[in-house]
Amino acid sequence: MALGGAVAPLTGCDLLDRGDRRDQAPDPLEPLATQARELAARHRAALAADPGLAPLLTPIADAHEAHAAELAKLTGRPAASPGPSPEATTGGDRAAVLAALREAEQGGREAAAKLCAEAPADRAALVGSIAAARATHVEALK
């Protein structure tokens, strides 16, 4: 009987550990949230380098930040700070900066559209809205 008592607590702990591991599994929307934060950071960096771009880039950066916040709410994961931008958008002339931002937005639009097609119905509306916004950003940056 001593063995039976020893097994029960281990089984109980094992069940709790399994739940913790499931909670730590990445949410499929986390990459989209990370990308939104990175895109916002790229636009903010470009703004810092060229404040004259504020009328164009501020609304786009604000939209990415709002998307990151909504995705954080949906996934239940806090919005982490973005790391350094994968590509510099602060150097070069204005046309080069805008072209780099446009390319990043296009990649983001494609990622969001792909994820939208795979997302469950309760998430597809938000992801589709993000894909549409990013498509608009591509056009605005032309």
C-alpha atoms as a PDB file:
ATOM      1  CA  MET A   1       0.000   0.000   0.000  1.00  0.00           C
ATOM      2  CA  ALA A   2       2.880   2.378   0.544  1.00  0.00           C
ATOM      3  CA  LEU A   3       3.557   2.244  -3.173  1.00  0.00           C
ATOM      4  CA  GLY A   4      -0.006   3.260  -4.005  1.00  0.00           C
ATOM      5  CA  GLY A   5       0.299   6.356  -1.820  1.00  0.00           C
ATOM      6  CA  ALA A   6       3.560   7.297  -3.490  1.00  0.00           C
ATOM      7  CA  VAL A   7       2.097   6.969  -6.973  1.00  0.00           C
ATOM      8  CA  ALA A   8      -0.926   9.181  -6.365  1.00  0.00           C
ATOM      9  CA  PRO A   9       1.025  12.351  -5.526  1.00  0.00           C
ATOM     10  CA  LEU A  10       3.314  11.815  -8.501  1.00  0.00           C
ATOM     11  CA  THR A  11       0.346  11.403 -10.794  1.00  0.00           C
ATOM     12  CA  GLY A  12      -1.255  14.553  -9.408  1.00  0.00           C
ATOM     13  CA  CYS A  13       1.935  16.561  -9.909  1.00  0.00           C
ATOM     14  CA  ASP A  14       2.342  15.145 -13.378  1.00  0.00           C
ATOM     15  CA  LEU A  15      -1.122  16.322 -14.322  1.00  0.00           C
ATOM     16  CA  LEU A  16      -0.349  19.828 -13.103  1.00  0.00           C
ATOM     17  CA  ASP A  17       2.931  19.890 -15.007  1.00  0.00           C
ATOM     18  CA  ARG A  18       1.190  18.927 -18.240  1.00  0.00           C
ATOM     19  CA  GLY A  19      -1.148  21.889 -17.898  1.00  0.00           C
ATOM     20  CA  ASP A  20       1.787  24.227 -17.385  1.00  0.00           C
ATOM     21  CA  ARG A  21       3.479  22.966 -20.538  1.00  0.00           C
ATOM     22  CA  ARG A  22       0.327  23.567 -22.563  1.00  0.00           C
ATOM     23  CA  ASP A  23       0.137  27.127 -21.243  1.00  0.00           C
ATOM     24  CA  GLN A  24       3.703  27.687 -22.410  1.00  0.00           C
ATOM     25  CA  ALA A  25       3.055  26.487 -25.943  1.00  0.00           C
ATOM     26  CA  PRO A  26       3.399  29.349 -28.404  1.00  0.00           C
ATOM     27  CA  ASP A  27       0.195  30.762 -29.758  1.00  0.00           C
ATOM     28  CA  PRO A  28       0.042  30.722 -33.585  1.00  0.00           C
ATOM     29  CA  LEU A  29      -0.659  34.483 -33.504  1.00  0.00           C
ATOM     30  CA  GLU A  30       2.490  35.357 -31.543  1.00  0.00           C
ATOM     31  CA  PRO A  31       4.648  35.746 -34.683  1.00  0.00           C
ATOM     32  CA  LEU A  32       2.074  38.196 -36.053  1.00  0.00           C
ATOM     33  CA  ALA A  33       2.191  40.198 -32.807  1.00  0.00           C
ATOM     34  CA  THR A  34       5.992  40.210 -32.881  1.00  0.00           C
ATOM     35  CA  GLN A  35       5.947  41.349 -36.482  1.00  0.00           C
ATOM     36  CA  ALA A  36       3.491  44.152 -35.640  1.00  0.00           C
ATOM     37  CA  ARG A  37       5.817  45.416 -32.896  1.00  0.00           C
ATOM     38  CA  GLU A  38       8.819  45.187 -35.228  1.00  0.00           C
ATOM     39  CA  LEU A  39       7.026  47.075 -38.001  1.00  0.00           C
ATOM     40  CA  ALA A  40       5.980  49.783 -35.536  1.00  0.00           C
ATOM     41  CA  ALA A  41       9.582  50.074 -34.354  1.00  0.00           C
ATOM     42  CA  ARG A  42      10.847  50.376 -37.929  1.00  0.00           C
ATOM     43  CA  HIS A  43       8.396  53.172 -38.669  1.00  0.00           C
ATOM     44  CA  ARG A  44       9.308  54.965 -35.415  1.00  0.00           C
ATOM     45  CA  ALA A  45      13.019  54.670 -36.270  1.00  0.00           C
ATOM     46  CA  ALA A  46      12.388  56.148 -39.715  1.00  0.00           C
ATOM     47  CA  LEU A  47      10.416  58.973 -38.083  1.00  0.00           C
ATOM     48  CA  ALA A  48      13.271  59.697 -35.704  1.00  0.00           C
ATOM     49  CA  ALA A  49      15.658  59.947 -38.648  1.00  0.00           C
ATOM     50  CA  ASP A  50      13.304  62.063 -40.774  1.00  0.00           C
ATOM     51  CA  PRO A  51      10.574  63.870 -38.785  1.00  0.00           C
ATOM     52  CA  GLY A  52       9.168  65.201 -42.051  1.00  0.00           C
ATOM     53  CA  LEU A  53       7.693  61.738 -42.612  1.00  0.00           C
ATOM     54  CA  ALA A  54       5.427  62.078 -39.561  1.00  0.00           C
ATOM     55  CA  PRO A  55       2.172  62.659 -41.495  1.00  0.00           C
ATOM     56  CA  LEU A  56       2.748  59.447 -43.448  1.00  0.00           C
ATOM     57  CA  LEU A  57       4.411  57.142 -40.923  1.00  0.00           C
ATOM     58  CA  THR A  58       2.803  58.056 -37.594  1.00  0.00           C
ATOM     59  CA  PRO A  59      -0.627  56.579 -38.444  1.00  0.00           C
ATOM     60  CA  ILE A  60       1.022  53.417 -39.758  1.00  0.00           C
ATOM     61  CA  ALA A  61       3.170  52.989 -36.636  1.00  0.00           C
ATOM     62  CA  ASP A  62       0.112  53.661 -34.462  1.00  0.00           C
ATOM     63  CA  ALA A  63      -1.860  50.994 -36.332  1.00  0.00           C
ATOM     64  CA  HIS A  64       0.881  48.407 -35.813  1.00  0.00           C
ATOM     65  CA  GLU A  65       1.008  49.215 -32.101  1.00  0.00           C
ATOM     66  CA  ALA A  66      -2.773  48.863 -31.842  1.00  0.00           C
ATOM     67  CA  HIS A  67      -2.617  45.521 -33.666  1.00  0.00           C
ATOM     68  CA  ALA A  68       0.113  44.272 -31.328  1.00  0.00           C
ATOM     69  CA  ALA A  69      -2.004  45.269 -28.316  1.00  0.00           C
ATOM     70  CA  GLU A  70      -5.115  43.516 -29.673  1.00  0.00           C
ATOM     71  CA  LEU A  71      -3.133  40.388 -30.484  1.00  0.00           C
ATOM     72  CA  ALA A  72      -1.675  40.406 -26.962  1.00  0.00           C
ATOM     73  CA  LYS A  73      -5.207  40.546 -25.544  1.00  0.00           C
ATOM     74  CA  LEU A  74      -6.368  37.730 -27.800  1.00  0.00           C
ATOM     75  CA  THR A  75      -3.426  35.451 -27.055  1.00  0.00           C
ATOM     76  CA  GLY A  76      -3.290  36.330 -23.367  1.00  0.00           C
ATOM     77  CA  ARG A  77       0.417  37.023 -23.737  1.00  0.00           C
ATOM     78  CA  PRO A  78       1.907  40.372 -22.810  1.00  0.00           C
ATOM     79  CA  ALA A  79       3.202  42.453 -25.669  1.00  0.00           C
ATOM     80  CA  ALA A  80       6.973  42.254 -25.486  1.00  0.00           C
ATOM     81  CA  SER A  81       9.181  45.102 -26.568  1.00  0.00           C
ATOM     82  CA  PRO A  82      10.487  44.729 -30.091  1.00  0.00           C
ATOM     83  CA  GLY A  83      14.106  43.871 -30.570  1.00  0.00           C
ATOM     84  CA  PRO A  84      16.339  45.742 -32.934  1.00  0.00           C
ATOM     85  CA  SER A  85      14.911  46.152 -36.408  1.00  0.00           C
ATOM     86  CA  PRO A  86      15.993  43.364 -38.739  1.00  0.00           C
ATOM     87  CA  GLU A  87      17.009  45.922 -41.321  1.00  0.00           C
ATOM     88  CA  ALA A  88      17.971  49.518 -40.804  1.00  0.00           C
ATOM     89  CA  THR A  89      15.399  51.998 -42.049  1.00  0.00           C
ATOM     90  CA  THR A  90      17.099  55.096 -40.719  1.00  0.00           C
ATOM     91  CA  GLY A  91      19.954  55.405 -43.185  1.00  0.00           C
ATOM     92  CA  GLY A  92      19.891  56.497 -46.773  1.00  0.00           C
ATOM     93  CA  ASP A  93      17.641  58.830 -48.627  1.00  0.00           C
ATOM     94  CA  ARG A  94      13.911  59.139 -48.090  1.00  0.00           C
ATOM     95  CA  ALA A  95      13.059  57.041 -51.163  1.00  0.00           C
ATOM     96  CA  ALA A  96      15.259  54.187 -49.936  1.00  0.00           C
ATOM     97  CA  VAL A  97      13.744  54.339 -46.451  1.00  0.00           C
ATOM     98  CA  LEU A  98      10.210  54.263 -47.844  1.00  0.00           C
ATOM     99  CA  ALA A  99      11.099  51.399 -50.202  1.00  0.00           C
ATOM    100  CA  ALA A 100      12.478  49.371 -47.267  1.00  0.00           C
ATOM    101  CA  LEU A 101       9.350  50.062 -45.226  1.00  0.00           C
ATOM    102  CA  ARG A 102       7.124  49.166 -48.184  1.00  0.00           C
ATOM    103  CA  GLU A 103       8.972  45.861 -48.609  1.00  0.00           C
ATOM    104  CA  ALA A 104       8.598  45.089 -44.885  1.00  0.00           C
ATOM    105  CA  GLU A 105       4.881  45.908 -45.060  1.00  0.00           C
ATOM    106  CA  GLN A 106       4.457  43.656 -48.100  1.00  0.00           C
ATOM    107  CA  GLY A 107       6.098  40.770 -46.260  1.00  0.00           C
ATOM    108  CA  GLY A 108       3.880  41.491 -43.275  1.00  0.00           C
ATOM    109  CA  ARG A 109       0.775  41.573 -45.444  1.00  0.00           C
ATOM    110  CA  GLU A 110       1.647  38.217 -46.973  1.00  0.00           C
ATOM    111  CA  ALA A 111       2.266  36.655 -43.543  1.00  0.00           C
ATOM    112  CA  ALA A 112      -1.025  38.012 -42.177  1.00  0.00           C
ATOM    113  CA  ALA A 113      -2.996  36.866 -45.236  1.00  0.00           C
ATOM    114  CA  LYS A 114      -1.554  33.353 -44.947  1.00  0.00           C
ATOM    115  CA  LEU A 115      -2.334  33.231 -41.240  1.00  0.00           C
ATOM    116  CA  CYS A 116      -5.853  34.524 -41.878  1.00  0.00           C
ATOM    117  CA  ALA A 117      -6.566  31.591 -44.179  1.00  0.00           C
ATOM    118  CA  GLU A 118      -5.411  29.198 -41.441  1.00  0.00           C
ATOM    119  CA  ALA A 119      -6.949  30.961 -38.437  1.00  0.00           C
ATOM    120  CA  PRO A 120     -10.017  29.706 -36.605  1.00  0.00           C
ATOM    121  CA  ALA A 121     -13.170  31.744 -37.178  1.00  0.00           C
ATOM    122  CA  ASP A 122     -12.932  33.558 -33.840  1.00  0.00           C
ATOM    123  CA  ARG A 123      -9.509  34.941 -34.842  1.00  0.00           C
ATOM    124  CA  ALA A 124      -9.855  35.311 -38.599  1.00  0.00           C
ATOM    125  CA  ALA A 125     -11.611  38.683 -38.446  1.00  0.00           C
ATOM    126  CA  LEU A 126      -8.773  40.341 -36.523  1.00  0.00           C
ATOM    127  CA  VAL A 127      -6.071  38.704 -38.629  1.00  0.00           C
ATOM    128  CA  GLY A 128      -7.908  39.632 -41.834  1.00  0.00           C
ATOM    129  CA  SER A 129      -8.201  43.214 -40.623  1.00  0.00           C
ATOM    130  CA  ILE A 130      -4.463  43.286 -39.966  1.00  0.00           C
ATOM    131  CA  ALA A 131      -3.753  41.882 -43.447  1.00  0.00           C
ATOM    132  CA  ALA A 132      -5.992  44.552 -44.982  1.00  0.00           C
ATOM    133  CA  ALA A 133      -4.321  47.313 -42.988  1.00  0.00           C
ATOM    134  CA  ARG A 134      -0.900  46.146 -44.087  1.00  0.00           C
ATOM    135  CA  ALA A 135      -2.044  46.121 -47.722  1.00  0.00           C
ATOM    136  CA  THR A 136      -3.173  49.720 -47.246  1.00  0.00           C
ATOM    137  CA  HIS A 137       0.230  50.558 -45.753  1.00  0.00           C
ATOM    138  CA  VAL A 138       1.962  49.148 -48.828  1.00  0.00           C
ATOM    139  CA  GLU A 139      -0.114  51.450 -51.019  1.00  0.00           C
ATOM    140  CA  ALA A 140       0.407  54.484 -48.771  1.00  0.00           C
ATOM    141  CA  LEU A 141       4.176  54.013 -48.914  1.00  0.00           C
ATOM    142  CA  LYS A 142       4.300  54.120 -52.743  1.00  0.00           C
END
